[in-house]
PDB file of N, CA and C in Angstrom:
ATOM      1  N   MET A   1     -57.748 -83.034  10.866  1.00  0.00           N
ATOM      2  CA  MET A   1     -58.217 -84.352  11.249  1.00  0.00           C
ATOM      3  C   MET A   1     -58.194 -84.490  12.754  1.00  0.00           C
ATOM      4  N   GLY A   2     -59.113 -83.933  13.398  1.00  0.00           N
ATOM      5  CA  GLY A   2     -59.243 -84.160  14.831  1.00  0.00           C
ATOM      6  C   GLY A   2     -58.123 -83.567  15.665  1.00  0.00           C
ATOM      7  N   GLY A   3     -57.488 -82.504  15.230  1.00  0.00           N
ATOM      8  CA  GLY A   3     -56.475 -81.844  16.022  1.00  0.00           C
ATOM      9  C   GLY A   3     -55.054 -82.111  15.586  1.00  0.00           C
ATOM     10  N   ALA A   4     -54.842 -83.073  14.718  1.00  0.00           N
ATOM     11  CA  ALA A   4     -53.487 -83.364  14.225  1.00  0.00           C
ATOM     12  C   ALA A   4     -53.221 -82.540  12.970  1.00  0.00           C
ATOM     13  N   PRO A   5     -51.973 -82.139  12.775  1.00  0.00           N
ATOM     14  CA  PRO A   5     -51.641 -81.441  11.531  1.00  0.00           C
ATOM     15  C   PRO A   5     -51.916 -82.331  10.315  1.00  0.00           C
ATOM     16  N   ARG A   6     -52.256 -81.713   9.211  1.00  0.00           N
ATOM     17  CA  ARG A   6     -52.675 -82.451   8.025  1.00  0.00           C
ATOM     18  C   ARG A   6     -51.611 -83.413   7.518  1.00  0.00           C
ATOM     19  N   THR A   7     -50.371 -82.960   7.442  1.00  0.00           N
ATOM     20  CA  THR A   7     -49.323 -83.827   6.911  1.00  0.00           C
ATOM     21  C   THR A   7     -49.089 -85.044   7.798  1.00  0.00           C
ATOM     22  N   VAL A   8     -49.126 -84.838   9.097  1.00  0.00           N
ATOM     23  CA  VAL A   8     -48.930 -85.955  10.022  1.00  0.00           C
ATOM     24  C   VAL A   8     -50.092 -86.936   9.914  1.00  0.00           C
ATOM     25  N   ALA A   9     -51.306 -86.421   9.803  1.00  0.00           N
ATOM     26  CA  ALA A   9     -52.470 -87.296   9.687  1.00  0.00           C
ATOM     27  C   ALA A   9     -52.435 -88.101   8.390  1.00  0.00           C
ATOM     28  N   ILE A  10     -51.989 -87.486   7.307  1.00  0.00           N
ATOM     29  CA  ILE A  10     -51.915 -88.202   6.026  1.00  0.00           C
ATOM     30  C   ILE A  10     -50.842 -89.282   6.077  1.00  0.00           C
ATOM     31  N   ILE A  11     -49.675 -88.955   6.597  1.00  0.00           N
ATOM     32  CA  ILE A  11     -48.599 -89.948   6.692  1.00  0.00           C
ATOM     33  C   ILE A  11     -48.995 -91.086   7.621  1.00  0.00           C
ATOM     34  N   ASN A  12     -49.574 -90.750   8.747  1.00  0.00           N
ATOM     35  CA  ASN A  12     -49.999 -91.754   9.715  1.00  0.00           C
ATOM     36  C   ASN A  12     -51.085 -92.654   9.125  1.00  0.00           C
ATOM     37  N   GLY A  13     -52.053 -92.070   8.460  1.00  0.00           N
ATOM     38  CA  GLY A  13     -53.117 -92.863   7.853  1.00  0.00           C
ATOM     39  C   GLY A  13     -52.612 -93.752   6.728  1.00  0.00           C
ATOM     40  N   THR A  14     -51.663 -93.245   5.951  1.00  0.00           N
ATOM     41  CA  THR A  14     -51.097 -94.048   4.869  1.00  0.00           C
ATOM     42  C   THR A  14     -50.314 -95.236   5.424  1.00  0.00           C
ATOM     43  N   LEU A  15     -49.539 -95.009   6.454  1.00  0.00           N
ATOM     44  CA  LEU A  15     -48.784 -96.100   7.076  1.00  0.00           C
ATOM     45  C   LEU A  15     -49.719 -97.139   7.685  1.00  0.00           C
ATOM     46  N   ALA A  16     -50.749 -96.683   8.377  1.00  0.00           N
ATOM     47  CA  ALA A  16     -51.705 -97.607   8.984  1.00  0.00           C
ATOM     48  C   ALA A  16     -52.474 -98.381   7.916  1.00  0.00           C
ATOM     49  N   ALA A  17     -52.837 -97.725   6.825  1.00  0.00           N
ATOM     50  CA  ALA A  17     -53.542 -98.408   5.745  1.00  0.00           C
ATOM     51  C   ALA A  17     -52.633 -99.418   5.050  1.00  0.00           C
ATOM     52  N   ALA A  18     -51.362 -99.094   4.898  1.00  0.00           N
ATOM     53  CA  ALA A  18     -50.431-100.035   4.288  1.00  0.00           C
ATOM     54  C   ALA A  18     -50.274-101.277   5.154  1.00  0.00           C
ATOM     55  N   LEU A  19     -50.227-101.088   6.453  1.00  0.00           N
ATOM     56  CA  LEU A  19     -50.154-102.244   7.346  1.00  0.00           C
ATOM     57  C   LEU A  19     -51.449-103.040   7.325  1.00  0.00           C
ATOM     58  N   GLY A  20     -52.565-102.329   7.439  1.00  0.00           N
ATOM     59  CA  GLY A  20     -53.853-103.003   7.534  1.00  0.00           C
ATOM     60  C   GLY A  20     -54.311-103.634   6.245  1.00  0.00           C
ATOM     61  N   LEU A  21     -54.209-102.909   5.156  1.00  0.00           N
ATOM     62  CA  LEU A  21     -54.719-103.413   3.877  1.00  0.00           C
ATOM     63  C   LEU A  21     -53.656-104.163   3.089  1.00  0.00           C
ATOM     64  N   GLY A  22     -52.472-103.590   3.006  1.00  0.00           N
ATOM     65  CA  GLY A  22     -51.430-104.186   2.187  1.00  0.00           C
ATOM     66  C   GLY A  22     -50.856-105.462   2.770  1.00  0.00           C
ATOM     67  N   LEU A  23     -50.493-105.412   4.040  1.00  0.00           N
ATOM     68  CA  LEU A  23     -49.892-106.577   4.687  1.00  0.00           C
ATOM     69  C   LEU A  23     -50.914-107.427   5.425  1.00  0.00           C
ATOM     70  N   GLN A  24     -52.151-106.980   5.451  1.00  0.00           N
ATOM     71  CA  GLN A  24     -53.257-107.651   6.133  1.00  0.00           C
ATOM     72  C   GLN A  24     -52.977-107.868   7.618  1.00  0.00           C
ATOM     73  N   LEU A  25     -52.354-106.887   8.211  1.00  0.00           N
ATOM     74  CA  LEU A  25     -52.126-106.876   9.655  1.00  0.00           C
ATOM     75  C   LEU A  25     -53.087-105.850  10.250  1.00  0.00           C
ATOM     76  N   TRP A  26     -54.343-106.230  10.337  1.00  0.00           N
ATOM     77  CA  TRP A  26     -55.412-105.302  10.707  1.00  0.00           C
ATOM     78  C   TRP A  26     -55.203-104.705  12.096  1.00  0.00           C
ATOM     79  N   ILE A  27     -54.867-105.531  13.052  1.00  0.00           N
ATOM     80  CA  ILE A  27     -54.720-105.041  14.423  1.00  0.00           C
ATOM     81  C   ILE A  27     -53.516-104.109  14.523  1.00  0.00           C
ATOM     82  N   ALA A  28     -52.410-104.478  13.884  1.00  0.00           N
ATOM     83  CA  ALA A  28     -51.220-103.626  13.912  1.00  0.00           C
ATOM     84  C   ALA A  28     -51.495-102.281  13.244  1.00  0.00           C
ATOM     85  N   GLY A  29     -52.234-102.288  12.133  1.00  0.00           N
ATOM     86  CA  GLY A  29     -52.584-101.040  11.460  1.00  0.00           C
ATOM     87  C   GLY A  29     -53.442-100.140  12.330  1.00  0.00           C
ATOM     88  N   ALA A  30     -54.402-100.748  13.026  1.00  0.00           N
ATOM     89  CA  ALA A  30     -55.263 -99.965  13.923  1.00  0.00           C
ATOM     90  C   ALA A  30     -54.479 -99.402  15.099  1.00  0.00           C
ATOM     91  N   ILE A  31     -53.555-100.191  15.630  1.00  0.00           N
ATOM     92  CA  ILE A  31     -52.747 -99.723  16.760  1.00  0.00           C
ATOM     93  C   ILE A  31     -51.830 -98.582  16.324  1.00  0.00           C
ATOM     94  N   VAL A  32     -51.204 -98.724  15.157  1.00  0.00           N
ATOM     95  CA  VAL A  32     -50.342 -97.658  14.642  1.00  0.00           C
ATOM     96  C   VAL A  32     -51.149 -96.388  14.440  1.00  0.00           C
ATOM     97  N   TRP A  33     -52.354 -96.512  13.894  1.00  0.00           N
ATOM     98  CA  TRP A  33     -53.170 -95.326  13.654  1.00  0.00           C
ATOM     99  C   TRP A  33     -53.590 -94.669  14.972  1.00  0.00           C
ATOM    100  N   ILE A  34     -54.039 -95.465  15.927  1.00  0.00           N
ATOM    101  CA  ILE A  34     -54.514 -94.899  17.198  1.00  0.00           C
ATOM    102  C   ILE A  34     -53.383 -94.197  17.947  1.00  0.00           C
ATOM    103  N   PHE A  35     -52.244 -94.876  18.093  1.00  0.00           N
ATOM    104  CA  PHE A  35     -51.144 -94.271  18.839  1.00  0.00           C
ATOM    105  C   PHE A  35     -50.496 -93.122  18.069  1.00  0.00           C
ATOM    106  N   GLY A  36     -50.361 -93.248  16.758  1.00  0.00           N
ATOM    107  CA  GLY A  36     -49.783 -92.176  15.963  1.00  0.00           C
ATOM    108  C   GLY A  36     -50.642 -90.923  15.970  1.00  0.00           C
ATOM    109  N   HIS A  37     -51.938 -91.118  15.816  1.00  0.00           N
ATOM    110  CA  HIS A  37     -52.840 -89.972  15.822  1.00  0.00           C
ATOM    111  C   HIS A  37     -52.900 -89.342  17.217  1.00  0.00           C
ATOM    112  N   GLY A  38     -52.918 -90.171  18.229  1.00  0.00           N
ATOM    113  CA  GLY A  38     -52.919 -89.641  19.599  1.00  0.00           C
ATOM    114  C   GLY A  38     -51.671 -88.837  19.908  1.00  0.00           C
ATOM    115  N   ALA A  39     -50.524 -89.337  19.469  1.00  0.00           N
ATOM    116  CA  ALA A  39     -49.268 -88.614  19.695  1.00  0.00           C
ATOM    117  C   ALA A  39     -49.245 -87.296  18.922  1.00  0.00           C
ATOM    118  N   ALA A  40     -49.780 -87.299  17.704  1.00  0.00           N
ATOM    119  CA  ALA A  40     -49.804 -86.067  16.906  1.00  0.00           C
ATOM    120  C   ALA A  40     -50.738 -85.025  17.526  1.00  0.00           C
ATOM    121  N   VAL A  41     -51.873 -85.461  18.018  1.00  0.00           N
ATOM    122  CA  VAL A  41     -52.809 -84.537  18.663  1.00  0.00           C
ATOM    123  C   VAL A  41     -52.194 -83.972  19.945  1.00  0.00           C
ATOM    124  N   TYR A  42     -51.547 -84.826  20.716  1.00  0.00           N
ATOM    125  CA  TYR A  42     -50.896 -84.377  21.953  1.00  0.00           C
ATOM    126  C   TYR A  42     -49.815 -83.340  21.652  1.00  0.00           C
ATOM    127  N   ALA A  43     -48.975 -83.634  20.651  1.00  0.00           N
ATOM    128  CA  ALA A  43     -47.899 -82.707  20.291  1.00  0.00           C
ATOM    129  C   ALA A  43     -48.465 -81.389  19.767  1.00  0.00           C
ATOM    130  N   ALA A  44     -49.552 -81.448  19.004  1.00  0.00           N
ATOM    131  CA  ALA A  44     -50.148 -80.223  18.469  1.00  0.00           C
ATOM    132  C   ALA A  44     -50.790 -79.390  19.576  1.00  0.00           C
ATOM    133  N   ARG A  45     -51.285 -80.028  20.603  1.00  0.00           N
ATOM    134  CA  ARG A  45     -51.845 -79.264  21.728  1.00  0.00           C
ATOM    135  C   ARG A  45     -50.748 -78.570  22.523  1.00  0.00           C
ATOM    136  N   LYS A  46     -49.612 -79.260  22.700  1.00  0.00           N
ATOM    137  CA  LYS A  46     -48.510 -78.673  23.455  1.00  0.00           C
ATOM    138  C   LYS A  46     -47.842 -77.536  22.685  1.00  0.00           C
ATOM    139  N   ASP A  47     -47.625 -77.747  21.374  1.00  0.00           N
ATOM    140  CA  ASP A  47     -46.973 -76.737  20.538  1.00  0.00           C
ATOM    141  C   ASP A  47     -47.588 -76.803  19.145  1.00  0.00           C
ATOM    142  N   PRO A  48     -48.414 -75.835  18.787  1.00  0.00           N
ATOM    143  CA  PRO A  48     -49.069 -75.878  17.475  1.00  0.00           C
ATOM    144  C   PRO A  48     -48.104 -75.881  16.291  1.00  0.00           C
ATOM    145  N   ALA A  49     -46.891 -75.426  16.489  1.00  0.00           N
ATOM    146  CA  ALA A  49     -45.917 -75.376  15.395  1.00  0.00           C
ATOM    147  C   ALA A  49     -44.881 -76.486  15.513  1.00  0.00           C
ATOM    148  N   PHE A  50     -45.253 -77.623  16.089  1.00  0.00           N
ATOM    149  CA  PHE A  50     -44.263 -78.662  16.324  1.00  0.00           C
ATOM    150  C   PHE A  50     -43.723 -79.259  15.037  1.00  0.00           C
ATOM    151  N   MET A  51     -44.494 -79.275  13.969  1.00  0.00           N
ATOM    152  CA  MET A  51     -43.999 -79.827  12.709  1.00  0.00           C
ATOM    153  C   MET A  51     -42.906 -78.937  12.112  1.00  0.00           C
ATOM    154  N   GLU A  52     -43.079 -77.628  12.172  1.00  0.00           N
ATOM    155  CA  GLU A  52     -42.062 -76.729  11.658  1.00  0.00           C
ATOM    156  C   GLU A  52     -40.784 -76.854  12.480  1.00  0.00           C
ATOM    157  N   VAL A  53     -40.926 -76.986  13.786  1.00  0.00           N
ATOM    158  CA  VAL A  53     -39.773 -77.146  14.662  1.00  0.00           C
ATOM    159  C   VAL A  53     -39.081 -78.479  14.381  1.00  0.00           C
ATOM    160  N   LEU A  54     -39.844 -79.533  14.170  1.00  0.00           N
ATOM    161  CA  LEU A  54     -39.274 -80.843  13.876  1.00  0.00           C
ATOM    162  C   LEU A  54     -38.513 -80.833  12.553  1.00  0.00           C
ATOM    163  N   VAL A  55     -39.079 -80.212  11.531  1.00  0.00           N
ATOM    164  CA  VAL A  55     -38.405 -80.122  10.236  1.00  0.00           C
ATOM    165  C   VAL A  55     -37.113 -79.325  10.362  1.00  0.00           C
ATOM    166  N   ARG A  56     -37.148 -78.228  11.087  1.00  0.00           N
ATOM    167  CA  ARG A  56     -35.958 -77.420  11.290  1.00  0.00           C
ATOM    168  C   ARG A  56     -34.902 -78.188  12.080  1.00  0.00           C
ATOM    169  N   HIS A  57     -35.340 -78.965  13.061  1.00  0.00           N
ATOM    170  CA  HIS A  57     -34.425 -79.766  13.869  1.00  0.00           C
ATOM    171  C   HIS A  57     -33.735 -80.842  13.026  1.00  0.00           C
ATOM    172  N   VAL A  58     -34.474 -81.477  12.146  1.00  0.00           N
ATOM    173  CA  VAL A  58     -33.911 -82.530  11.324  1.00  0.00           C
ATOM    174  C   VAL A  58     -32.907 -81.961  10.317  1.00  0.00           C
ATOM    175  N   ARG A  59     -33.171 -80.773   9.776  1.00  0.00           N
ATOM    176  CA  ARG A  59     -32.267 -80.154   8.806  1.00  0.00           C
ATOM    177  C   ARG A  59     -31.013 -79.562   9.436  1.00  0.00           C
ATOM    178  N   HIS A  60     -31.076 -79.268  10.726  1.00  0.00           N
ATOM    179  CA  HIS A  60     -29.971 -78.608  11.397  1.00  0.00           C
ATOM    180  C   HIS A  60     -28.800 -79.576  11.580  1.00  0.00           C
ATOM    181  N   LYS A  61     -27.607 -79.152  11.193  1.00  0.00           N
ATOM    182  CA  LYS A  61     -26.414 -79.973  11.358  1.00  0.00           C
ATOM    183  C   LYS A  61     -26.031 -80.011  12.828  1.00  0.00           C
ATOM    184  N   GLY A  62     -25.482 -81.120  13.248  1.00  0.00           N
ATOM    185  CA  GLY A  62     -25.027 -81.243  14.629  1.00  0.00           C
ATOM    186  C   GLY A  62     -23.810 -80.364  14.883  1.00  0.00           C
ATOM    187  N   ALA A  63     -23.789 -79.687  15.984  1.00  0.00           N
ATOM    188  CA  ALA A  63     -22.689 -78.777  16.290  1.00  0.00           C
ATOM    189  C   ALA A  63     -21.469 -79.527  16.763  1.00  0.00           C
ATOM    190  N   LEU A  64     -21.639 -80.669  17.377  1.00  0.00           N
ATOM    191  CA  LEU A  64     -20.521 -81.389  17.955  1.00  0.00           C
ATOM    192  C   LEU A  64     -20.228 -82.689  17.222  1.00  0.00           C
ATOM    193  N   THR A  65     -20.500 -82.752  15.930  1.00  0.00           N
ATOM    194  CA  THR A  65     -20.214 -83.973  15.173  1.00  0.00           C
ATOM    195  C   THR A  65     -18.707 -84.120  14.978  1.00  0.00           C
ATOM    196  N   CYS A  66     -18.262 -85.325  15.026  1.00  0.00           N
ATOM    197  CA  CYS A  66     -16.821 -85.605  14.875  1.00  0.00           C
ATOM    198  C   CYS A  66     -16.512 -86.068  13.483  1.00  0.00           C
TER     199      CYS A  66
END
């Protein structure tokens, strides 16, 4: 979808559609979609594997947790 990874584009579009259609916040849904898609495209240009890195980062336990 225009340079964004498929999973990010689907999640972003679903969230924007839920805001726009479900809650009838059309402008907020459009803003979420534009900024979310732009951020995903930017991240994919900088690092094509950013989703795999993000998933690995989230699963990784903190080394200095108390």
